[in-house]
Amino acid sequence: MTATASTAPRNTAALRERARGALLGLAVGDALGAPAENLRPSEIRARWGRITGYVADRPAGTDDTEYAIFSGLLLARHGAGLTPAHVEAAWHEWIADRDEGPFRGAGFSERGTLENLRRGLAAPISAQHRHAWSDGLAMRAAPHGVFAAGRPAEAARLAAVDGSVSHDGEGLYGGQAVAAGVAAAMAGAPVVAVVAAALAVVPDDSWTARSLRRAVTAAHRGERAVRSAVVVGGYPWTDLAPEAVALAFGAYAAAGGDFADAVLTAVNMGRDADTTAAVAGALAGATRGAAAIPAAWAAAIGPARGTCLPAMAGHHVLDLADLLTPPAPDPAETRR
């Protein structure tokens, strides 16, 4: 039987390969895209021509990777029983109640949430700040799709629970779309079904859904068409969830699920390039598995440095992928 968007893979080894692809792909995309963040394609071309690999001396994941690890560790701790109270407690334990660390690179939504939590506000009131529509949930949503492989609706539900502390409205929808898309890809769904799974979990008339549809419709015409279809011209901030999520899915669709093409398309479109490439990398990595990630790109990814979240220092995305997938059966047990 062919895996679909609603059936999880039965082969444990294949599932773990896709999980590793999703989370390593997220970290690779993040590291590739970080130098291009907030740049226009013309600025990228002026500096590097076309980005075809790492352009930083010491490539590493940014807040996107560290927050994805944060969300993954939450799932490993609580599983399907995750509640807003668990998420809020983790924000306090791992972020808000700690004195150390510069919180370097955190987005507006994370800073607004942190300020509210430190003022004693609880979820969902903690998400009532001026940037609840940001892509801060989308950047950390892939672990929900890995955990709920083959169950896009469950992945979207878990993403919404996670996001209840920090996001609202379109910010929640963006995270849910990413989680559902990764969950479908984890089950071997083709690109068109991955996109359909993402659209199925967000309101049809939402900004997120409209942008996503425009992006994938334009995908066959390449990255310039995708960018033109969804970018909000003249708006100074690049972390709009509907825009960033649509660019990521557009890059993934334009590449037909190919890993390198998907992340490089996202990177070279600029805007919130670390997040769009991280999401495109998670989708393509789940689709093709860790083996599809170029070895030199994968080798550059080490344990998180804790640049933004000191509590995440030392955690590796590959270890997280293994935590979120079922262990391989014990051969001794299978022989009994």
C-alpha atoms as a PDB file:
ATOM      1  CA  MET A   1       0.000   0.000   0.000  1.00  0.00           C
ATOM      2  CA  THR A   2       1.311   3.464  -0.872  1.00  0.00           C
ATOM      3  CA  ALA A   3       1.706   5.905   2.032  1.00  0.00           C
ATOM      4  CA  THR A   4      -0.709   8.835   1.927  1.00  0.00           C
ATOM      5  CA  ALA A   5      -1.122  12.063   3.877  1.00  0.00           C
ATOM      6  CA  SER A   6      -3.192  10.258   6.494  1.00  0.00           C
ATOM      7  CA  THR A   7      -1.172   7.091   7.073  1.00  0.00           C
ATOM      8  CA  ALA A   8       2.116   7.033   8.933  1.00  0.00           C
ATOM      9  CA  PRO A   9       4.971   4.991   7.446  1.00  0.00           C
ATOM     10  CA  ARG A  10       5.125   1.460   8.845  1.00  0.00           C
ATOM     11  CA  ASN A  11       8.874   1.092   8.319  1.00  0.00           C
ATOM     12  CA  THR A  12      10.627   2.484  11.392  1.00  0.00           C
ATOM     13  CA  ALA A  13      13.934   2.992   9.580  1.00  0.00           C
ATOM     14  CA  ALA A  14      12.234   4.929   6.790  1.00  0.00           C
ATOM     15  CA  LEU A  15      10.344   7.041   9.298  1.00  0.00           C
ATOM     16  CA  ARG A  16      13.542   7.933  11.130  1.00  0.00           C
ATOM     17  CA  GLU A  17      15.276   8.762   7.845  1.00  0.00           C
ATOM     18  CA  ARG A  18      12.494  11.217   7.013  1.00  0.00           C
ATOM     19  CA  ALA A  19      12.522  12.653  10.543  1.00  0.00           C
ATOM     20  CA  ARG A  20      16.247  13.243  10.334  1.00  0.00           C
ATOM     21  CA  GLY A  21      15.772  14.775   6.909  1.00  0.00           C
ATOM     22  CA  ALA A  22      13.096  17.137   8.187  1.00  0.00           C
ATOM     23  CA  LEU A  23      14.991  18.471  11.197  1.00  0.00           C
ATOM     24  CA  LEU A  24      18.463  18.433   9.677  1.00  0.00           C
ATOM     25  CA  GLY A  25      16.914  20.039   6.603  1.00  0.00           C
ATOM     26  CA  LEU A  26      15.452  22.770   8.793  1.00  0.00           C
ATOM     27  CA  ALA A  27      18.853  23.499  10.365  1.00  0.00           C
ATOM     28  CA  VAL A  28      20.665  23.445   7.020  1.00  0.00           C
ATOM     29  CA  GLY A  29      18.120  25.772   5.431  1.00  0.00           C
ATOM     30  CA  ASP A  30      18.354  28.094   8.422  1.00  0.00           C
ATOM     31  CA  ALA A  31      22.155  28.246   8.218  1.00  0.00           C
ATOM     32  CA  LEU A  32      22.154  28.733   4.435  1.00  0.00           C
ATOM     33  CA  GLY A  33      19.554  31.482   4.609  1.00  0.00           C
ATOM     34  CA  ALA A  34      20.842  33.436   7.598  1.00  0.00           C
ATOM     35  CA  PRO A  35      23.267  35.699   5.665  1.00  0.00           C
ATOM     36  CA  ALA A  36      20.506  36.603   3.176  1.00  0.00           C
ATOM     37  CA  GLU A  37      17.912  37.496   5.809  1.00  0.00           C
ATOM     38  CA  ASN A  38      16.137  40.800   5.128  1.00  0.00           C
ATOM     39  CA  LEU A  39      17.874  41.247   1.765  1.00  0.00           C
ATOM     40  CA  ARG A  40      16.303  41.748  -1.641  1.00  0.00           C
ATOM     41  CA  PRO A  41      17.305  39.425  -4.510  1.00  0.00           C
ATOM     42  CA  SER A  42      19.210  42.304  -6.110  1.00  0.00           C
ATOM     43  CA  GLU A  43      21.230  42.776  -2.918  1.00  0.00           C
ATOM     44  CA  ILE A  44      21.955  39.043  -2.758  1.00  0.00           C
ATOM     45  CA  ARG A  45      23.192  39.082  -6.358  1.00  0.00           C
ATOM     46  CA  ALA A  46      25.379  42.131  -5.710  1.00  0.00           C
ATOM     47  CA  ARG A  47      27.098  40.433  -2.754  1.00  0.00           C
ATOM     48  CA  TRP A  48      27.386  36.806  -3.831  1.00  0.00           C
ATOM     49  CA  GLY A  49      25.950  36.353  -7.304  1.00  0.00           C
ATOM     50  CA  ARG A  50      23.619  33.426  -6.758  1.00  0.00           C
ATOM     51  CA  ILE A  51      23.990  31.678  -3.400  1.00  0.00           C
ATOM     52  CA  THR A  52      24.731  28.009  -4.065  1.00  0.00           C
ATOM     53  CA  GLY A  53      26.086  26.988  -0.656  1.00  0.00           C
ATOM     54  CA  TYR A  54      27.229  28.422   2.639  1.00  0.00           C
ATOM     55  CA  VAL A  55      28.568  31.960   2.420  1.00  0.00           C
ATOM     56  CA  ALA A  56      29.263  32.359   6.165  1.00  0.00           C
ATOM     57  CA  ASP A  57      32.628  31.360   7.610  1.00  0.00           C
ATOM     58  CA  ARG A  58      31.039  29.393  10.466  1.00  0.00           C
ATOM     59  CA  PRO A  59      27.551  28.393   9.306  1.00  0.00           C
ATOM     60  CA  ALA A  60      25.115  27.614  12.085  1.00  0.00           C
ATOM     61  CA  GLY A  61      21.432  27.620  12.840  1.00  0.00           C
ATOM     62  CA  THR A  62      19.850  30.775  14.210  1.00  0.00           C
ATOM     63  CA  ASP A  63      16.882  31.260  16.530  1.00  0.00           C
ATOM     64  CA  ASP A  64      14.843  29.211  14.048  1.00  0.00           C
ATOM     65  CA  THR A  65      16.805  26.045  14.801  1.00  0.00           C
ATOM     66  CA  GLU A  66      17.003  26.693  18.526  1.00  0.00           C
ATOM     67  CA  TYR A  67      13.273  27.314  18.823  1.00  0.00           C
ATOM     68  CA  ALA A  68      12.568  24.182  16.774  1.00  0.00           C
ATOM     69  CA  ILE A  69      14.676  22.238  19.271  1.00  0.00           C
ATOM     70  CA  PHE A  70      12.709  23.917  22.070  1.00  0.00           C
ATOM     71  CA  SER A  71       9.403  22.742  20.576  1.00  0.00           C
ATOM     72  CA  GLY A  72      10.773  19.280  19.853  1.00  0.00           C
ATOM     73  CA  LEU A  73      11.968  18.808  23.417  1.00  0.00           C
ATOM     74  CA  LEU A  74       8.521  19.837  24.627  1.00  0.00           C
ATOM     75  CA  LEU A  75       6.958  17.136  22.463  1.00  0.00           C
ATOM     76  CA  ALA A  76       9.480  14.570  23.639  1.00  0.00           C
ATOM     77  CA  ARG A  77       8.540  15.428  27.217  1.00  0.00           C
ATOM     78  CA  HIS A  78       4.733  15.576  26.896  1.00  0.00           C
ATOM     79  CA  GLY A  79       3.781  13.933  23.606  1.00  0.00           C
ATOM     80  CA  ALA A  80       0.177  14.193  22.465  1.00  0.00           C
ATOM     81  CA  GLY A  81      -0.789  15.353  25.960  1.00  0.00           C
ATOM     82  CA  LEU A  82       0.903  18.729  25.415  1.00  0.00           C
ATOM     83  CA  THR A  83      -1.129  21.603  26.880  1.00  0.00           C
ATOM     84  CA  PRO A  84      -0.768  25.405  26.835  1.00  0.00           C
ATOM     85  CA  ALA A  85       0.210  25.176  30.511  1.00  0.00           C
ATOM     86  CA  HIS A  86       3.112  22.877  29.592  1.00  0.00           C
ATOM     87  CA  VAL A  87       4.268  25.301  26.898  1.00  0.00           C
ATOM     88  CA  GLU A  88       3.985  28.296  29.180  1.00  0.00           C
ATOM     89  CA  ALA A  89       5.931  26.502  31.919  1.00  0.00           C
ATOM     90  CA  ALA A  90       8.682  25.634  29.432  1.00  0.00           C
ATOM     91  CA  TRP A  91       8.946  29.249  28.283  1.00  0.00           C
ATOM     92  CA  HIS A  92       9.520  30.187  31.902  1.00  0.00           C
ATOM     93  CA  GLU A  93      11.885  27.286  32.641  1.00  0.00           C
ATOM     94  CA  TRP A  94      14.036  27.528  29.512  1.00  0.00           C
ATOM     95  CA  ILE A  95      13.761  31.218  28.585  1.00  0.00           C
ATOM     96  CA  ALA A  96      11.896  33.803  30.660  1.00  0.00           C
ATOM     97  CA  ASP A  97      13.154  32.933  34.143  1.00  0.00           C
ATOM     98  CA  ARG A  98      16.794  32.664  33.127  1.00  0.00           C
ATOM     99  CA  ASP A  99      19.178  35.565  33.555  1.00  0.00           C
ATOM    100  CA  GLU A 100      21.921  34.398  31.237  1.00  0.00           C
ATOM    101  CA  GLY A 101      22.134  34.872  27.521  1.00  0.00           C
ATOM    102  CA  PRO A 102      21.594  37.754  25.150  1.00  0.00           C
ATOM    103  CA  PHE A 103      18.483  36.287  23.479  1.00  0.00           C
ATOM    104  CA  ARG A 104      20.370  37.224  20.305  1.00  0.00           C
ATOM    105  CA  GLY A 105      18.454  37.034  17.049  1.00  0.00           C
ATOM    106  CA  ALA A 106      15.015  36.521  18.554  1.00  0.00           C
ATOM    107  CA  GLY A 107      12.100  37.846  16.535  1.00  0.00           C
ATOM    108  CA  PHE A 108       9.518  40.407  17.536  1.00  0.00           C
ATOM    109  CA  SER A 109       6.919  37.808  18.479  1.00  0.00           C
ATOM    110  CA  GLU A 110       9.340  36.030  20.801  1.00  0.00           C
ATOM    111  CA  ARG A 111      10.387  39.286  22.449  1.00  0.00           C
ATOM    112  CA  GLY A 112       6.769  40.337  22.904  1.00  0.00           C
ATOM    113  CA  THR A 113       5.888  36.977  24.410  1.00  0.00           C
ATOM    114  CA  LEU A 114       8.871  37.063  26.722  1.00  0.00           C
ATOM    115  CA  GLU A 115       7.939  40.537  27.960  1.00  0.00           C
ATOM    116  CA  ASN A 116       4.344  39.459  28.625  1.00  0.00           C
ATOM    117  CA  LEU A 117       5.362  36.308  30.470  1.00  0.00           C
ATOM    118  CA  ARG A 118       7.778  38.250  32.643  1.00  0.00           C
ATOM    119  CA  ARG A 119       4.922  40.610  33.484  1.00  0.00           C
ATOM    120  CA  GLY A 120       2.954  37.627  34.773  1.00  0.00           C
ATOM    121  CA  LEU A 121       0.564  37.244  31.837  1.00  0.00           C
ATOM    122  CA  ALA A 122      -0.542  33.696  31.014  1.00  0.00           C
ATOM    123  CA  ALA A 123      -1.554  32.059  27.727  1.00  0.00           C
ATOM    124  CA  PRO A 124      -3.381  33.021  25.604  1.00  0.00           C
ATOM    125  CA  ILE A 125      -3.059  36.600  26.885  1.00  0.00           C
ATOM    126  CA  SER A 126       0.724  36.256  26.592  1.00  0.00           C
ATOM    127  CA  ALA A 127       0.241  36.132  22.807  1.00  0.00           C
ATOM    128  CA  GLN A 128      -1.469  39.528  22.745  1.00  0.00           C
ATOM    129  CA  HIS A 129       1.354  41.654  21.404  1.00  0.00           C
ATOM    130  CA  ARG A 130       1.882  43.536  18.156  1.00  0.00           C
ATOM    131  CA  HIS A 131       3.553  40.678  16.292  1.00  0.00           C
ATOM    132  CA  ALA A 132       1.280  37.682  16.893  1.00  0.00           C
ATOM    133  CA  TRP A 133       1.077  37.330  13.083  1.00  0.00           C
ATOM    134  CA  SER A 134       4.811  36.612  12.714  1.00  0.00           C
ATOM    135  CA  ASP A 135       6.460  33.449  11.383  1.00  0.00           C
ATOM    136  CA  GLY A 136       7.896  32.611  14.817  1.00  0.00           C
ATOM    137  CA  LEU A 137       5.599  29.605  15.185  1.00  0.00           C
ATOM    138  CA  ALA A 138       6.097  28.471  11.588  1.00  0.00           C
ATOM    139  CA  MET A 139       9.850  28.335  12.147  1.00  0.00           C
ATOM    140  CA  ARG A 140       9.449  25.904  15.062  1.00  0.00           C
ATOM    141  CA  ALA A 141       6.514  23.847  13.766  1.00  0.00           C
ATOM    142  CA  ALA A 142       8.342  21.074  11.882  1.00  0.00           C
ATOM    143  CA  PRO A 143       8.829  18.901  15.011  1.00  0.00           C
ATOM    144  CA  HIS A 144       5.040  18.666  15.359  1.00  0.00           C
ATOM    145  CA  GLY A 145       4.865  17.202  11.870  1.00  0.00           C
ATOM    146  CA  VAL A 146       7.679  14.773  12.640  1.00  0.00           C
ATOM    147  CA  PHE A 147       5.994  13.619  15.838  1.00  0.00           C
ATOM    148  CA  ALA A 148       2.569  13.265  14.165  1.00  0.00           C
ATOM    149  CA  ALA A 149       3.870  11.663  10.967  1.00  0.00           C
ATOM    150  CA  GLY A 150       1.031  10.879   8.592  1.00  0.00           C
ATOM    151  CA  ARG A 151      -1.505  12.783  10.731  1.00  0.00           C
ATOM    152  CA  PRO A 152      -1.607  16.370   9.460  1.00  0.00           C
ATOM    153  CA  ALA A 153      -4.633  17.371  11.546  1.00  0.00           C
ATOM    154  CA  GLU A 154      -2.949  16.168  14.740  1.00  0.00           C
ATOM    155  CA  ALA A 155       0.266  17.962  13.812  1.00  0.00           C
ATOM    156  CA  ALA A 156      -1.719  21.164  13.287  1.00  0.00           C
ATOM    157  CA  ARG A 157      -3.463  20.715  16.634  1.00  0.00           C
ATOM    158  CA  LEU A 158      -0.155  20.348  18.457  1.00  0.00           C
ATOM    159  CA  ALA A 159       1.274  23.380  16.660  1.00  0.00           C
ATOM    160  CA  ALA A 160      -1.701  25.434  17.798  1.00  0.00           C
ATOM    161  CA  VAL A 161      -1.173  24.304  21.402  1.00  0.00           C
ATOM    162  CA  ASP A 162       2.498  25.275  21.185  1.00  0.00           C
ATOM    163  CA  GLY A 163       1.658  28.577  19.532  1.00  0.00           C
ATOM    164  CA  SER A 164      -1.066  29.557  21.990  1.00  0.00           C
ATOM    165  CA  VAL A 165       1.556  31.149  24.239  1.00  0.00           C
ATOM    166  CA  SER A 166       3.125  33.310  21.525  1.00  0.00           C
ATOM    167  CA  HIS A 167       0.890  33.661  18.467  1.00  0.00           C
ATOM    168  CA  ASP A 168      -2.638  34.307  17.279  1.00  0.00           C
ATOM    169  CA  GLY A 169      -4.569  34.453  14.021  1.00  0.00           C
ATOM    170  CA  GLU A 170      -2.374  34.245  10.934  1.00  0.00           C
ATOM    171  CA  GLY A 171       0.647  33.474  13.107  1.00  0.00           C
ATOM    172  CA  LEU A 172      -1.089  30.309  14.314  1.00  0.00           C
ATOM    173  CA  TYR A 173      -2.282  29.411  10.820  1.00  0.00           C
ATOM    174  CA  GLY A 174       1.256  29.639   9.432  1.00  0.00           C
ATOM    175  CA  GLY A 175       2.573  27.238  12.057  1.00  0.00           C
ATOM    176  CA  GLN A 176      -0.303  24.842  11.531  1.00  0.00           C
ATOM    177  CA  ALA A 177       0.264  24.803   7.757  1.00  0.00           C
ATOM    178  CA  VAL A 178       3.939  23.940   8.204  1.00  0.00           C
ATOM    179  CA  ALA A 179       3.247  21.226  10.786  1.00  0.00           C
ATOM    180  CA  ALA A 180       0.593  19.614   8.595  1.00  0.00           C
ATOM    181  CA  GLY A 181       2.766  19.772   5.498  1.00  0.00           C
ATOM    182  CA  VAL A 182       5.678  18.096   7.253  1.00  0.00           C
ATOM    183  CA  ALA A 183       3.356  15.426   8.691  1.00  0.00           C
ATOM    184  CA  ALA A 184       2.113  14.608   5.197  1.00  0.00           C
ATOM    185  CA  ALA A 185       5.634  14.545   3.771  1.00  0.00           C
ATOM    186  CA  MET A 186       6.704  12.212   6.570  1.00  0.00           C
ATOM    187  CA  ALA A 187       4.198   9.698   5.218  1.00  0.00           C
ATOM    188  CA  GLY A 188       5.600   9.880   1.703  1.00  0.00           C
ATOM    189  CA  ALA A 189       2.918  12.138   0.258  1.00  0.00           C
ATOM    190  CA  PRO A 190       3.776  13.752  -3.106  1.00  0.00           C
ATOM    191  CA  VAL A 191       4.327  17.498  -3.255  1.00  0.00           C
ATOM    192  CA  VAL A 192       0.779  18.282  -4.336  1.00  0.00           C
ATOM    193  CA  ALA A 193      -0.630  16.316  -1.390  1.00  0.00           C
ATOM    194  CA  VAL A 194       1.764  18.010   1.037  1.00  0.00           C
ATOM    195  CA  VAL A 195       0.449  21.389  -0.095  1.00  0.00           C
ATOM    196  CA  ALA A 196      -3.140  20.148   0.114  1.00  0.00           C
ATOM    197  CA  ALA A 197      -2.543  18.928   3.672  1.00  0.00           C
ATOM    198  CA  ALA A 198      -1.273  22.369   4.667  1.00  0.00           C
ATOM    199  CA  LEU A 199      -4.263  24.115   3.110  1.00  0.00           C
ATOM    200  CA  ALA A 200      -6.714  21.701   4.736  1.00  0.00           C
ATOM    201  CA  VAL A 201      -5.849  22.828   8.274  1.00  0.00           C
ATOM    202  CA  VAL A 202      -6.197  26.596   7.838  1.00  0.00           C
ATOM    203  CA  PRO A 203      -9.310  28.671   7.055  1.00  0.00           C
ATOM    204  CA  ASP A 204      -9.913  28.805   3.320  1.00  0.00           C
ATOM    205  CA  ASP A 205     -10.373  32.574   3.354  1.00  0.00           C
ATOM    206  CA  SER A 206      -7.339  33.319   5.535  1.00  0.00           C
ATOM    207  CA  TRP A 207      -4.411  35.409   4.334  1.00  0.00           C
ATOM    208  CA  THR A 208      -2.225  32.338   4.865  1.00  0.00           C
ATOM    209  CA  ALA A 209      -4.340  30.159   2.576  1.00  0.00           C
ATOM    210  CA  ARG A 210      -4.625  32.828  -0.112  1.00  0.00           C
ATOM    211  CA  SER A 211      -0.874  33.453  -0.136  1.00  0.00           C
ATOM    212  CA  LEU A 212      -0.079  29.744  -0.159  1.00  0.00           C
ATOM    213  CA  ARG A 213      -2.382  29.122  -3.117  1.00  0.00           C
ATOM    214  CA  ARG A 214      -0.858  32.024  -5.045  1.00  0.00           C
ATOM    215  CA  ALA A 215       2.661  30.785  -4.366  1.00  0.00           C
ATOM    216  CA  VAL A 216       2.138  27.207  -5.494  1.00  0.00           C
ATOM    217  CA  THR A 217       0.146  28.347  -8.534  1.00  0.00           C
ATOM    218  CA  ALA A 218       3.111  30.478  -9.593  1.00  0.00           C
ATOM    219  CA  ALA A 219       5.720  27.856  -8.693  1.00  0.00           C
ATOM    220  CA  HIS A 220       6.092  26.414 -12.189  1.00  0.00           C
ATOM    221  CA  ARG A 221       7.293  29.847 -13.350  1.00  0.00           C
ATOM    222  CA  GLY A 222      10.174  29.961 -10.878  1.00  0.00           C
ATOM    223  CA  GLU A 223      11.289  31.907  -7.837  1.00  0.00           C
ATOM    224  CA  ARG A 224      10.735  35.385  -9.251  1.00  0.00           C
ATOM    225  CA  ALA A 225       7.096  34.565  -9.949  1.00  0.00           C
ATOM    226  CA  VAL A 226       6.632  33.029  -6.500  1.00  0.00           C
ATOM    227  CA  ARG A 227       8.124  36.083  -4.841  1.00  0.00           C
ATOM    228  CA  SER A 228       6.000  38.485  -6.879  1.00  0.00           C
ATOM    229  CA  ALA A 229       2.869  36.512  -6.048  1.00  0.00           C
ATOM    230  CA  VAL A 230       3.125  36.856  -2.270  1.00  0.00           C
ATOM    231  CA  VAL A 231       5.631  39.483  -1.099  1.00  0.00           C
ATOM    232  CA  VAL A 232       4.050  42.551   0.466  1.00  0.00           C
ATOM    233  CA  GLY A 233       5.974  45.246  -1.352  1.00  0.00           C
ATOM    234  CA  GLY A 234       7.086  48.244   0.660  1.00  0.00           C
ATOM    235  CA  TYR A 235       6.416  46.636   4.021  1.00  0.00           C
ATOM    236  CA  PRO A 236       9.666  46.879   6.034  1.00  0.00           C
ATOM    237  CA  TRP A 237       9.328  43.738   8.156  1.00  0.00           C
ATOM    238  CA  THR A 238       9.911  40.366   6.536  1.00  0.00           C
ATOM    239  CA  ASP A 239       8.565  38.037   9.234  1.00  0.00           C
ATOM    240  CA  LEU A 240       4.914  38.027   8.150  1.00  0.00           C
ATOM    241  CA  ALA A 241       3.751  34.432   8.573  1.00  0.00           C
ATOM    242  CA  PRO A 242       1.475  34.350   5.500  1.00  0.00           C
ATOM    243  CA  GLU A 243       4.286  35.671   3.326  1.00  0.00           C
ATOM    244  CA  ALA A 244       7.119  33.559   4.742  1.00  0.00           C
ATOM    245  CA  VAL A 245       5.131  30.312   4.769  1.00  0.00           C
ATOM    246  CA  ALA A 246       3.928  30.894   1.211  1.00  0.00           C
ATOM    247  CA  LEU A 247       7.466  31.605  -0.010  1.00  0.00           C
ATOM    248  CA  ALA A 248       8.676  28.389   1.628  1.00  0.00           C
ATOM    249  CA  PHE A 249       5.940  26.235   0.123  1.00  0.00           C
ATOM    250  CA  GLY A 250       6.398  27.994  -3.218  1.00  0.00           C
ATOM    251  CA  ALA A 251      10.118  27.176  -3.185  1.00  0.00           C
ATOM    252  CA  TYR A 252       9.350  23.570  -2.233  1.00  0.00           C
ATOM    253  CA  ALA A 253       6.763  23.248  -5.025  1.00  0.00           C
ATOM    254  CA  ALA A 254       8.986  24.954  -7.607  1.00  0.00           C
ATOM    255  CA  ALA A 255      11.718  22.426  -6.803  1.00  0.00           C
ATOM    256  CA  GLY A 256       9.356  19.466  -7.025  1.00  0.00           C
ATOM    257  CA  GLY A 257      10.462  18.474  -3.522  1.00  0.00           C
ATOM    258  CA  ASP A 258      14.176  18.356  -4.394  1.00  0.00           C
ATOM    259  CA  PHE A 259      16.115  19.380  -1.298  1.00  0.00           C
ATOM    260  CA  ALA A 260      18.938  21.511  -2.674  1.00  0.00           C
ATOM    261  CA  ASP A 261      16.725  23.277  -5.195  1.00  0.00           C
ATOM    262  CA  ALA A 262      14.046  23.999  -2.601  1.00  0.00           C
ATOM    263  CA  VAL A 263      16.329  25.580  -0.013  1.00  0.00           C
ATOM    264  CA  LEU A 264      18.411  27.538  -2.521  1.00  0.00           C
ATOM    265  CA  THR A 265      15.272  28.892  -4.165  1.00  0.00           C
ATOM    266  CA  ALA A 266      14.080  30.075  -0.760  1.00  0.00           C
ATOM    267  CA  VAL A 267      17.470  31.575   0.131  1.00  0.00           C
ATOM    268  CA  ASN A 268      17.819  33.518  -3.104  1.00  0.00           C
ATOM    269  CA  MET A 269      14.358  35.061  -2.768  1.00  0.00           C
ATOM    270  CA  GLY A 270      15.602  36.931   0.294  1.00  0.00           C
ATOM    271  CA  ARG A 271      13.102  38.437   2.761  1.00  0.00           C
ATOM    272  CA  ASP A 272      13.065  36.277   5.939  1.00  0.00           C
ATOM    273  CA  ALA A 273      15.430  33.902   4.189  1.00  0.00           C
ATOM    274  CA  ASP A 274      16.551  31.879   7.209  1.00  0.00           C
ATOM    275  CA  THR A 275      12.956  31.012   8.069  1.00  0.00           C
ATOM    276  CA  THR A 276      11.729  30.405   4.516  1.00  0.00           C
ATOM    277  CA  ALA A 277      14.724  28.175   3.779  1.00  0.00           C
ATOM    278  CA  ALA A 278      14.315  26.384   7.121  1.00  0.00           C
ATOM    279  CA  VAL A 279      10.673  25.582   6.337  1.00  0.00           C
ATOM    280  CA  ALA A 280      11.444  24.594   2.740  1.00  0.00           C
ATOM    281  CA  GLY A 281      14.285  22.434   4.066  1.00  0.00           C
ATOM    282  CA  ALA A 282      12.007  20.726   6.584  1.00  0.00           C
ATOM    283  CA  LEU A 283       9.413  19.954   3.900  1.00  0.00           C
ATOM    284  CA  ALA A 284      11.949  18.696   1.359  1.00  0.00           C
ATOM    285  CA  GLY A 285      13.936  16.822   3.997  1.00  0.00           C
ATOM    286  CA  ALA A 286      10.820  15.001   5.145  1.00  0.00           C
ATOM    287  CA  THR A 287       9.945  14.249   1.526  1.00  0.00           C
ATOM    288  CA  ARG A 288      13.338  12.922   0.416  1.00  0.00           C
ATOM    289  CA  GLY A 289      15.024  11.916   3.692  1.00  0.00           C
ATOM    290  CA  ALA A 290      18.344  12.888   5.237  1.00  0.00           C
ATOM    291  CA  ALA A 291      20.316  11.199   2.451  1.00  0.00           C
ATOM    292  CA  ALA A 292      19.074  13.874   0.035  1.00  0.00           C
ATOM    293  CA  ILE A 293      20.867  16.635   1.944  1.00  0.00           C
ATOM    294  CA  PRO A 294      24.302  17.365   0.423  1.00  0.00           C
ATOM    295  CA  ALA A 295      26.928  15.876   2.723  1.00  0.00           C
ATOM    296  CA  ALA A 296      28.975  19.063   2.999  1.00  0.00           C
ATOM    297  CA  TRP A 297      25.903  21.014   4.094  1.00  0.00           C
ATOM    298  CA  ALA A 298      24.908  18.386   6.634  1.00  0.00           C
ATOM    299  CA  ALA A 299      28.421  18.105   8.071  1.00  0.00           C
ATOM    300  CA  ALA A 300      28.479  21.791   8.979  1.00  0.00           C
ATOM    301  CA  ILE A 301      25.557  21.403  11.376  1.00  0.00           C
ATOM    302  CA  GLY A 302      26.694  20.712  14.909  1.00  0.00           C
ATOM    303  CA  PRO A 303      24.934  20.947  18.260  1.00  0.00           C
ATOM    304  CA  ALA A 304      23.052  24.192  18.877  1.00  0.00           C
ATOM    305  CA  ARG A 305      25.302  26.954  20.164  1.00  0.00           C
ATOM    306  CA  GLY A 306      22.680  28.568  22.369  1.00  0.00           C
ATOM    307  CA  THR A 307      23.205  31.937  20.708  1.00  0.00           C
ATOM    308  CA  CYS A 308      19.557  32.849  21.168  1.00  0.00           C
ATOM    309  CA  LEU A 309      18.407  30.278  23.724  1.00  0.00           C
ATOM    310  CA  PRO A 310      21.257  29.259  26.027  1.00  0.00           C
ATOM    311  CA  ALA A 311      19.166  26.393  27.405  1.00  0.00           C
ATOM    312  CA  MET A 312      19.226  24.748  23.976  1.00  0.00           C
ATOM    313  CA  ALA A 313      23.033  24.710  23.713  1.00  0.00           C
ATOM    314  CA  GLY A 314      24.436  21.241  23.068  1.00  0.00           C
ATOM    315  CA  HIS A 315      21.266  19.733  21.592  1.00  0.00           C
ATOM    316  CA  HIS A 316      21.582  18.374  18.053  1.00  0.00           C
ATOM    317  CA  VAL A 317      18.653  18.231  15.648  1.00  0.00           C
ATOM    318  CA  LEU A 318      19.499  14.640  14.722  1.00  0.00           C
ATOM    319  CA  ASP A 319      19.178  13.543  18.339  1.00  0.00           C
ATOM    320  CA  LEU A 320      15.844  15.368  18.468  1.00  0.00           C
ATOM    321  CA  ALA A 321      14.649  13.545  15.348  1.00  0.00           C
ATOM    322  CA  ASP A 322      15.391  10.229  17.024  1.00  0.00           C
ATOM    323  CA  LEU A 323      13.562  11.312  20.189  1.00  0.00           C
ATOM    324  CA  LEU A 324      10.435  12.110  18.188  1.00  0.00           C
ATOM    325  CA  THR A 325      10.241   8.843  16.249  1.00  0.00           C
ATOM    326  CA  PRO A 326       9.558   5.306  17.482  1.00  0.00           C
ATOM    327  CA  PRO A 327      12.652   3.236  18.260  1.00  0.00           C
ATOM    328  CA  ALA A 328      13.582   0.468  15.872  1.00  0.00           C
ATOM    329  CA  PRO A 329      12.271  -2.914  17.035  1.00  0.00           C
ATOM    330  CA  ASP A 330      14.698  -5.078  19.004  1.00  0.00           C
ATOM    331  CA  PRO A 331      15.726  -7.975  16.710  1.00  0.00           C
ATOM    332  CA  ALA A 332      15.711 -10.288  19.725  1.00  0.00           C
ATOM    333  CA  GLU A 333      12.102  -9.367  20.415  1.00  0.00           C
ATOM    334  CA  THR A 334      10.999  -9.911  16.819  1.00  0.00           C
ATOM    335  CA  ARG A 335      12.441 -13.443  16.847  1.00  0.00           C
ATOM    336  CA  ARG A 336      10.296 -14.498  19.801  1.00  0.00           C
END
